[in-house]
Structure formats: C-alpha cells, structure tokens
Amino acid sequence: MNVELVAFGAIALAAGAGLLYAARQLYPRLDVSDDALVSIRLLTALIVGVLLLGGAGLVLVGILA
C-alpha cells in the first residue's frame, strides 16, 4: 500500500467533488448567454471527470501497490 498515492487520490476526489458542488451553486448566478453557459458546463464536466477518474485510479493503484 502506497500511502502517498492514496492521499493524492483522495485529494483529487475531494477537489473534483468540491468543484462540482461549487459549479452547481455558481451556474444560476452567471449572467452569460446560453451558448457560453453550455460551454462552461462542458468544460466543468470534463475537469471534474478527469479529477474524479484520476483520483479513483490513484487510490486504486495506491491500495494495490
């Protein structure tokens, strides 16, 4: 078990979940066009997906290593 990988994975998971929560709170307050809002949501979803999948992978590799 590699504690550093598990810790970095947990941090990435927490960052992804925190970003998703913050984005959900912020979206209704944005004063942008619909096209821009769709682009912002897509970019946020991609970033959150990378953080969550990367964090889960790090945790899994850290546990198995």
PDB file of N, CA and C in Angstrom:
ATOM      1  N   MET A   1       0.845  -1.185   0.000  1.00  0.00           N
ATOM      2  CA  MET A   1       0.000   0.000   0.000  1.00  0.00           C
ATOM      3  C   MET A   1       0.883   1.238   0.000  1.00  0.00           C
ATOM      4  N   ASN A   2       0.658   2.106  -0.960  1.00  0.00           N
ATOM      5  CA  ASN A   2       1.412   3.335  -1.080  1.00  0.00           C
ATOM      6  C   ASN A   2       0.545   4.489  -0.573  1.00  0.00           C
ATOM      7  N   VAL A   3       0.883   4.987   0.599  1.00  0.00           N
ATOM      8  CA  VAL A   3       0.067   5.994   1.265  1.00  0.00           C
ATOM      9  C   VAL A   3       0.039   7.305   0.480  1.00  0.00           C
ATOM     10  N   GLU A   4       1.152   7.657  -0.173  1.00  0.00           N
ATOM     11  CA  GLU A   4       1.193   8.907  -0.922  1.00  0.00           C
ATOM     12  C   GLU A   4       0.196   8.896  -2.080  1.00  0.00           C
ATOM     13  N   LEU A   5       0.127   7.792  -2.807  1.00  0.00           N
ATOM     14  CA  LEU A   5      -0.821   7.703  -3.921  1.00  0.00           C
ATOM     15  C   LEU A   5      -2.257   7.764  -3.428  1.00  0.00           C
ATOM     16  N   VAL A   6      -2.528   7.090  -2.329  1.00  0.00           N
ATOM     17  CA  VAL A   6      -3.880   7.126  -1.770  1.00  0.00           C
ATOM     18  C   VAL A   6      -4.231   8.544  -1.320  1.00  0.00           C
ATOM     19  N   ALA A   7      -3.281   9.237  -0.705  1.00  0.00           N
ATOM     20  CA  ALA A   7      -3.536  10.602  -0.239  1.00  0.00           C
ATOM     21  C   ALA A   7      -3.774  11.550  -1.424  1.00  0.00           C
ATOM     22  N   PHE A   8      -2.934  11.461  -2.454  1.00  0.00           N
ATOM     23  CA  PHE A   8      -3.138  12.309  -3.631  1.00  0.00           C
ATOM     24  C   PHE A   8      -4.451  11.974  -4.329  1.00  0.00           C
ATOM     25  N   GLY A   9      -4.807  10.710  -4.359  1.00  0.00           N
ATOM     26  CA  GLY A   9      -6.087  10.312  -4.945  1.00  0.00           C
ATOM     27  C   GLY A   9      -7.261  10.858  -4.159  1.00  0.00           C
ATOM     28  N   ALA A  10      -7.161  10.816  -2.839  1.00  0.00           N
ATOM     29  CA  ALA A  10      -8.231  11.361  -2.003  1.00  0.00           C
ATOM     30  C   ALA A  10      -8.348  12.872  -2.182  1.00  0.00           C
ATOM     31  N   ILE A  11      -7.217  13.540  -2.312  1.00  0.00           N
ATOM     32  CA  ILE A  11      -7.242  14.989  -2.554  1.00  0.00           C
ATOM     33  C   ILE A  11      -7.888  15.286  -3.904  1.00  0.00           C
ATOM     34  N   ALA A  12      -7.559  14.510  -4.928  1.00  0.00           N
ATOM     35  CA  ALA A  12      -8.152  14.720  -6.248  1.00  0.00           C
ATOM     36  C   ALA A  12      -9.655  14.455  -6.225  1.00  0.00           C
ATOM     37  N   LEU A  13     -10.078  13.426  -5.508  1.00  0.00           N
ATOM     38  CA  LEU A  13     -11.506  13.146  -5.378  1.00  0.00           C
ATOM     39  C   LEU A  13     -12.224  14.284  -4.666  1.00  0.00           C
ATOM     40  N   ALA A  14     -11.629  14.776  -3.597  1.00  0.00           N
ATOM     41  CA  ALA A  14     -12.236  15.886  -2.859  1.00  0.00           C
ATOM     42  C   ALA A  14     -12.286  17.154  -3.709  1.00  0.00           C
ATOM     43  N   ALA A  15     -11.226  17.403  -4.480  1.00  0.00           N
ATOM     44  CA  ALA A  15     -11.207  18.580  -5.344  1.00  0.00           C
ATOM     45  C   ALA A  15     -12.272  18.475  -6.432  1.00  0.00           C
ATOM     46  N   GLY A  16     -12.437  17.307  -7.002  1.00  0.00           N
ATOM     47  CA  GLY A  16     -13.462  17.112  -8.022  1.00  0.00           C
ATOM     48  C   GLY A  16     -14.865  17.298  -7.468  1.00  0.00           C
ATOM     49  N   ALA A  17     -15.118  16.725  -6.311  1.00  0.00           N
ATOM     50  CA  ALA A  17     -16.435  16.876  -5.689  1.00  0.00           C
ATOM     51  C   ALA A  17     -16.680  18.327  -5.280  1.00  0.00           C
ATOM     52  N   GLY A  18     -15.662  18.992  -4.768  1.00  0.00           N
ATOM     53  CA  GLY A  18     -15.800  20.394  -4.376  1.00  0.00           C
ATOM     54  C   GLY A  18     -16.051  21.298  -5.569  1.00  0.00           C
ATOM     55  N   LEU A  19     -15.357  21.039  -6.664  1.00  0.00           N
ATOM     56  CA  LEU A  19     -15.564  21.826  -7.875  1.00  0.00           C
ATOM     57  C   LEU A  19     -16.970  21.618  -8.426  1.00  0.00           C
ATOM     58  N   LEU A  20     -17.440  20.390  -8.397  1.00  0.00           N
ATOM     59  CA  LEU A  20     -18.790  20.103  -8.874  1.00  0.00           C
ATOM     60  C   LEU A  20     -19.830  20.815  -8.018  1.00  0.00           C
ATOM     61  N   TYR A  21     -19.657  20.794  -6.706  1.00  0.00           N
ATOM     62  CA  TYR A  21     -20.585  21.480  -5.810  1.00  0.00           C
ATOM     63  C   TYR A  21     -20.547  22.992  -6.036  1.00  0.00           C
ATOM     64  N   ALA A  22     -19.350  23.550  -6.143  1.00  0.00           N
ATOM     65  CA  ALA A  22     -19.218  24.990  -6.354  1.00  0.00           C
ATOM     66  C   ALA A  22     -19.823  25.409  -7.693  1.00  0.00           C
ATOM     67  N   ALA A  23     -19.634  24.601  -8.716  1.00  0.00           N
ATOM     68  CA  ALA A  23     -20.183  24.922 -10.030  1.00  0.00           C
ATOM     69  C   ALA A  23     -21.709  24.897  -9.993  1.00  0.00           C
ATOM     70  N   ARG A  24     -22.274  23.929  -9.296  1.00  0.00           N
ATOM     71  CA  ARG A  24     -23.735  23.854  -9.192  1.00  0.00           C
ATOM     72  C   ARG A  24     -24.307  25.075  -8.497  1.00  0.00           C
ATOM     73  N   GLN A  25     -23.577  25.616  -7.530  1.00  0.00           N
ATOM     74  CA  GLN A  25     -24.032  26.808  -6.826  1.00  0.00           C
ATOM     75  C   GLN A  25     -23.826  28.064  -7.665  1.00  0.00           C
ATOM     76  N   LEU A  26     -22.822  28.071  -8.514  1.00  0.00           N
ATOM     77  CA  LEU A  26     -22.456  29.255  -9.269  1.00  0.00           C
ATOM     78  C   LEU A  26     -23.210  29.397 -10.584  1.00  0.00           C
ATOM     79  N   TYR A  27     -23.580  28.296 -11.225  1.00  0.00           N
ATOM     80  CA  TYR A  27     -24.227  28.353 -12.540  1.00  0.00           C
ATOM     81  C   TYR A  27     -25.452  29.266 -12.592  1.00  0.00           C
ATOM     82  N   PRO A  28     -26.376  29.179 -11.645  1.00  0.00           N
ATOM     83  CA  PRO A  28     -27.572  30.041 -11.751  1.00  0.00           C
ATOM     84  C   PRO A  28     -27.250  31.535 -11.650  1.00  0.00           C
ATOM     85  N   ARG A  29     -26.131  31.896 -11.066  1.00  0.00           N
ATOM     86  CA  ARG A  29     -25.779  33.298 -10.870  1.00  0.00           C
ATOM     87  C   ARG A  29     -25.004  33.900 -12.039  1.00  0.00           C
ATOM     88  N   LEU A  30     -24.587  33.076 -12.976  1.00  0.00           N
ATOM     89  CA  LEU A  30     -23.824  33.585 -14.109  1.00  0.00           C
ATOM     90  C   LEU A  30     -24.738  34.338 -15.067  1.00  0.00           C
ATOM     91  N   ASP A  31     -24.260  35.460 -15.532  1.00  0.00           N
ATOM     92  CA  ASP A  31     -25.026  36.263 -16.480  1.00  0.00           C
ATOM     93  C   ASP A  31     -24.337  36.192 -17.843  1.00  0.00           C
ATOM     94  N   VAL A  32     -24.474  35.023 -18.475  1.00  0.00           N
ATOM     95  CA  VAL A  32     -23.862  34.800 -19.786  1.00  0.00           C
ATOM     96  C   VAL A  32     -24.922  34.223 -20.722  1.00  0.00           C
ATOM     97  N   SER A  33     -24.602  34.214 -21.996  1.00  0.00           N
ATOM     98  CA  SER A  33     -25.542  33.662 -22.976  1.00  0.00           C
ATOM     99  C   SER A  33     -25.655  32.147 -22.813  1.00  0.00           C
ATOM    100  N   ASP A  34     -26.681  31.596 -23.431  1.00  0.00           N
ATOM    101  CA  ASP A  34     -26.906  30.156 -23.319  1.00  0.00           C
ATOM    102  C   ASP A  34     -25.767  29.350 -23.931  1.00  0.00           C
ATOM    103  N   ASP A  35     -25.220  29.825 -25.043  1.00  0.00           N
ATOM    104  CA  ASP A  35     -24.107  29.119 -25.685  1.00  0.00           C
ATOM    105  C   ASP A  35     -22.871  29.109 -24.789  1.00  0.00           C
ATOM    106  N   ALA A  36     -22.601  30.223 -24.146  1.00  0.00           N
ATOM    107  CA  ALA A  36     -21.448  30.287 -23.251  1.00  0.00           C
ATOM    108  C   ALA A  36     -21.660  29.395 -22.029  1.00  0.00           C
ATOM    109  N   LEU A  37     -22.896  29.356 -21.524  1.00  0.00           N
ATOM    110  CA  LEU A  37     -23.186  28.521 -20.361  1.00  0.00           C
ATOM    111  C   LEU A  37     -23.017  27.039 -20.688  1.00  0.00           C
ATOM    112  N   VAL A  38     -23.414  26.651 -21.887  1.00  0.00           N
ATOM    113  CA  VAL A  38     -23.229  25.251 -22.304  1.00  0.00           C
ATOM    114  C   VAL A  38     -21.741  24.925 -22.372  1.00  0.00           C
ATOM    115  N   SER A  39     -20.942  25.830 -22.897  1.00  0.00           N
ATOM    116  CA  SER A  39     -19.502  25.610 -22.981  1.00  0.00           C
ATOM    117  C   SER A  39     -18.871  25.529 -21.590  1.00  0.00           C
ATOM    118  N   ILE A  40     -19.308  26.392 -20.694  1.00  0.00           N
ATOM    119  CA  ILE A  40     -18.780  26.380 -19.330  1.00  0.00           C
ATOM    120  C   ILE A  40     -19.150  25.081 -18.628  1.00  0.00           C
ATOM    121  N   ARG A  41     -20.375  24.631 -18.811  1.00  0.00           N
ATOM    122  CA  ARG A  41     -20.795  23.362 -18.184  1.00  0.00           C
ATOM    123  C   ARG A  41     -20.008  22.177 -18.739  1.00  0.00           C
ATOM    124  N   LEU A  42     -19.765  22.175 -20.039  1.00  0.00           N
ATOM    125  CA  LEU A  42     -18.991  21.092 -20.652  1.00  0.00           C
ATOM    126  C   LEU A  42     -17.562  21.084 -20.127  1.00  0.00           C
ATOM    127  N   LEU A  43     -16.947  22.250 -20.069  1.00  0.00           N
ATOM    128  CA  LEU A  43     -15.581  22.335 -19.557  1.00  0.00           C
ATOM    129  C   LEU A  43     -15.512  21.897 -18.098  1.00  0.00           C
ATOM    130  N   THR A  44     -16.481  22.312 -17.306  1.00  0.00           N
ATOM    131  CA  THR A  44     -16.522  21.905 -15.904  1.00  0.00           C
ATOM    132  C   THR A  44     -16.700  20.396 -15.778  1.00  0.00           C
ATOM    133  N   ALA A  45     -17.569  19.836 -16.585  1.00  0.00           N
ATOM    134  CA  ALA A  45     -17.787  18.389 -16.547  1.00  0.00           C
ATOM    135  C   ALA A  45     -16.519  17.628 -16.926  1.00  0.00           C
ATOM    136  N   LEU A  46     -15.785  18.128 -17.913  1.00  0.00           N
ATOM    137  CA  LEU A  46     -14.537  17.469 -18.304  1.00  0.00           C
ATOM    138  C   LEU A  46     -13.498  17.534 -17.181  1.00  0.00           C
ATOM    139  N   ILE A  47     -13.366  18.692 -16.560  1.00  0.00           N
ATOM    140  CA  ILE A  47     -12.392  18.846 -15.478  1.00  0.00           C
ATOM    141  C   ILE A  47     -12.765  17.966 -14.294  1.00  0.00           C
ATOM    142  N   VAL A  48     -14.037  17.971 -13.918  1.00  0.00           N
ATOM    143  CA  VAL A  48     -14.490  17.142 -12.798  1.00  0.00           C
ATOM    144  C   VAL A  48     -14.302  15.665 -13.125  1.00  0.00           C
ATOM    145  N   GLY A  49     -14.603  15.263 -14.343  1.00  0.00           N
ATOM    146  CA  GLY A  49     -14.416  13.867 -14.734  1.00  0.00           C
ATOM    147  C   GLY A  49     -12.964  13.425 -14.640  1.00  0.00           C
ATOM    148  N   VAL A  50     -12.065  14.274 -15.098  1.00  0.00           N
ATOM    149  CA  VAL A  50     -10.637  13.945 -15.011  1.00  0.00           C
ATOM    150  C   VAL A  50     -10.197  13.838 -13.557  1.00  0.00           C
ATOM    151  N   LEU A  51     -10.639  14.779 -12.730  1.00  0.00           N
ATOM    152  CA  LEU A  51     -10.260  14.737 -11.316  1.00  0.00           C
ATOM    153  C   LEU A  51     -10.809  13.493 -10.620  1.00  0.00           C
ATOM    154  N   LEU A  52     -12.075  13.172 -10.865  1.00  0.00           N
ATOM    155  CA  LEU A  52     -12.672  12.017 -10.196  1.00  0.00           C
ATOM    156  C   LEU A  52     -12.080  10.696 -10.681  1.00  0.00           C
ATOM    157  N   LEU A  53     -11.930  10.563 -11.997  1.00  0.00           N
ATOM    158  CA  LEU A  53     -11.360   9.310 -12.513  1.00  0.00           C
ATOM    159  C   LEU A  53      -9.878   9.175 -12.151  1.00  0.00           C
ATOM    160  N   GLY A  54      -9.159  10.276 -12.241  1.00  0.00           N
ATOM    161  CA  GLY A  54      -7.752  10.233 -11.842  1.00  0.00           C
ATOM    162  C   GLY A  54      -7.578   9.945 -10.366  1.00  0.00           C
ATOM    163  N   GLY A  55      -8.411  10.567  -9.542  1.00  0.00           N
ATOM    164  CA  GLY A  55      -8.354  10.321  -8.104  1.00  0.00           C
ATOM    165  C   GLY A  55      -8.699   8.880  -7.756  1.00  0.00           C
ATOM    166  N   ALA A  56      -9.730   8.345  -8.393  1.00  0.00           N
ATOM    167  CA  ALA A  56     -10.101   6.961  -8.140  1.00  0.00           C
ATOM    168  C   ALA A  56      -8.996   6.010  -8.600  1.00  0.00           C
ATOM    169  N   GLY A  57      -8.389   6.329  -9.730  1.00  0.00           N
ATOM    170  CA  GLY A  57      -7.273   5.492 -10.214  1.00  0.00           C
ATOM    171  C   GLY A  57      -6.085   5.534  -9.278  1.00  0.00           C
ATOM    172  N   LEU A  58      -5.768   6.720  -8.771  1.00  0.00           N
ATOM    173  CA  LEU A  58      -4.654   6.825  -7.829  1.00  0.00           C
ATOM    174  C   LEU A  58      -4.925   6.051  -6.544  1.00  0.00           C
ATOM    175  N   VAL A  59      -6.136   6.152  -6.061  1.00  0.00           N
ATOM    176  CA  VAL A  59      -6.491   5.405  -4.843  1.00  0.00           C
ATOM    177  C   VAL A  59      -6.381   3.906  -5.104  1.00  0.00           C
ATOM    178  N   LEU A  60      -6.888   3.453  -6.235  1.00  0.00           N
ATOM    179  CA  LEU A  60      -6.840   2.024  -6.558  1.00  0.00           C
ATOM    180  C   LEU A  60      -5.398   1.532  -6.712  1.00  0.00           C
ATOM    181  N   VAL A  61      -4.588   2.279  -7.436  1.00  0.00           N
ATOM    182  CA  VAL A  61      -3.187   1.889  -7.618  1.00  0.00           C
ATOM    183  C   VAL A  61      -2.459   1.952  -6.291  1.00  0.00           C
ATOM    184  N   GLY A  62      -2.755   2.972  -5.473  1.00  0.00           N
ATOM    185  CA  GLY A  62      -2.100   3.086  -4.171  1.00  0.00           C
ATOM    186  C   GLY A  62      -2.445   1.948  -3.244  1.00  0.00           C
ATOM    187  N   ILE A  63      -3.655   1.447  -3.321  1.00  0.00           N
ATOM    188  CA  ILE A  63      -4.051   0.327  -2.465  1.00  0.00           C
ATOM    189  C   ILE A  63      -3.409  -0.974  -2.953  1.00  0.00           C
ATOM    190  N   LEU A  64      -3.372  -1.147  -4.272  1.00  0.00           N
ATOM    191  CA  LEU A  64      -2.848  -2.394  -4.829  1.00  0.00           C
ATOM    192  C   LEU A  64      -1.329  -2.445  -4.824  1.00  0.00           C
ATOM    193  N   ALA A  65      -0.677  -1.297  -4.782  1.00  0.00           N
ATOM    194  CA  ALA A  65       0.799  -1.278  -4.846  1.00  0.00           C
ATOM    195  C   ALA A  65       1.409  -1.621  -3.512  1.00  0.00           C
TER     196      ALA A  65
END
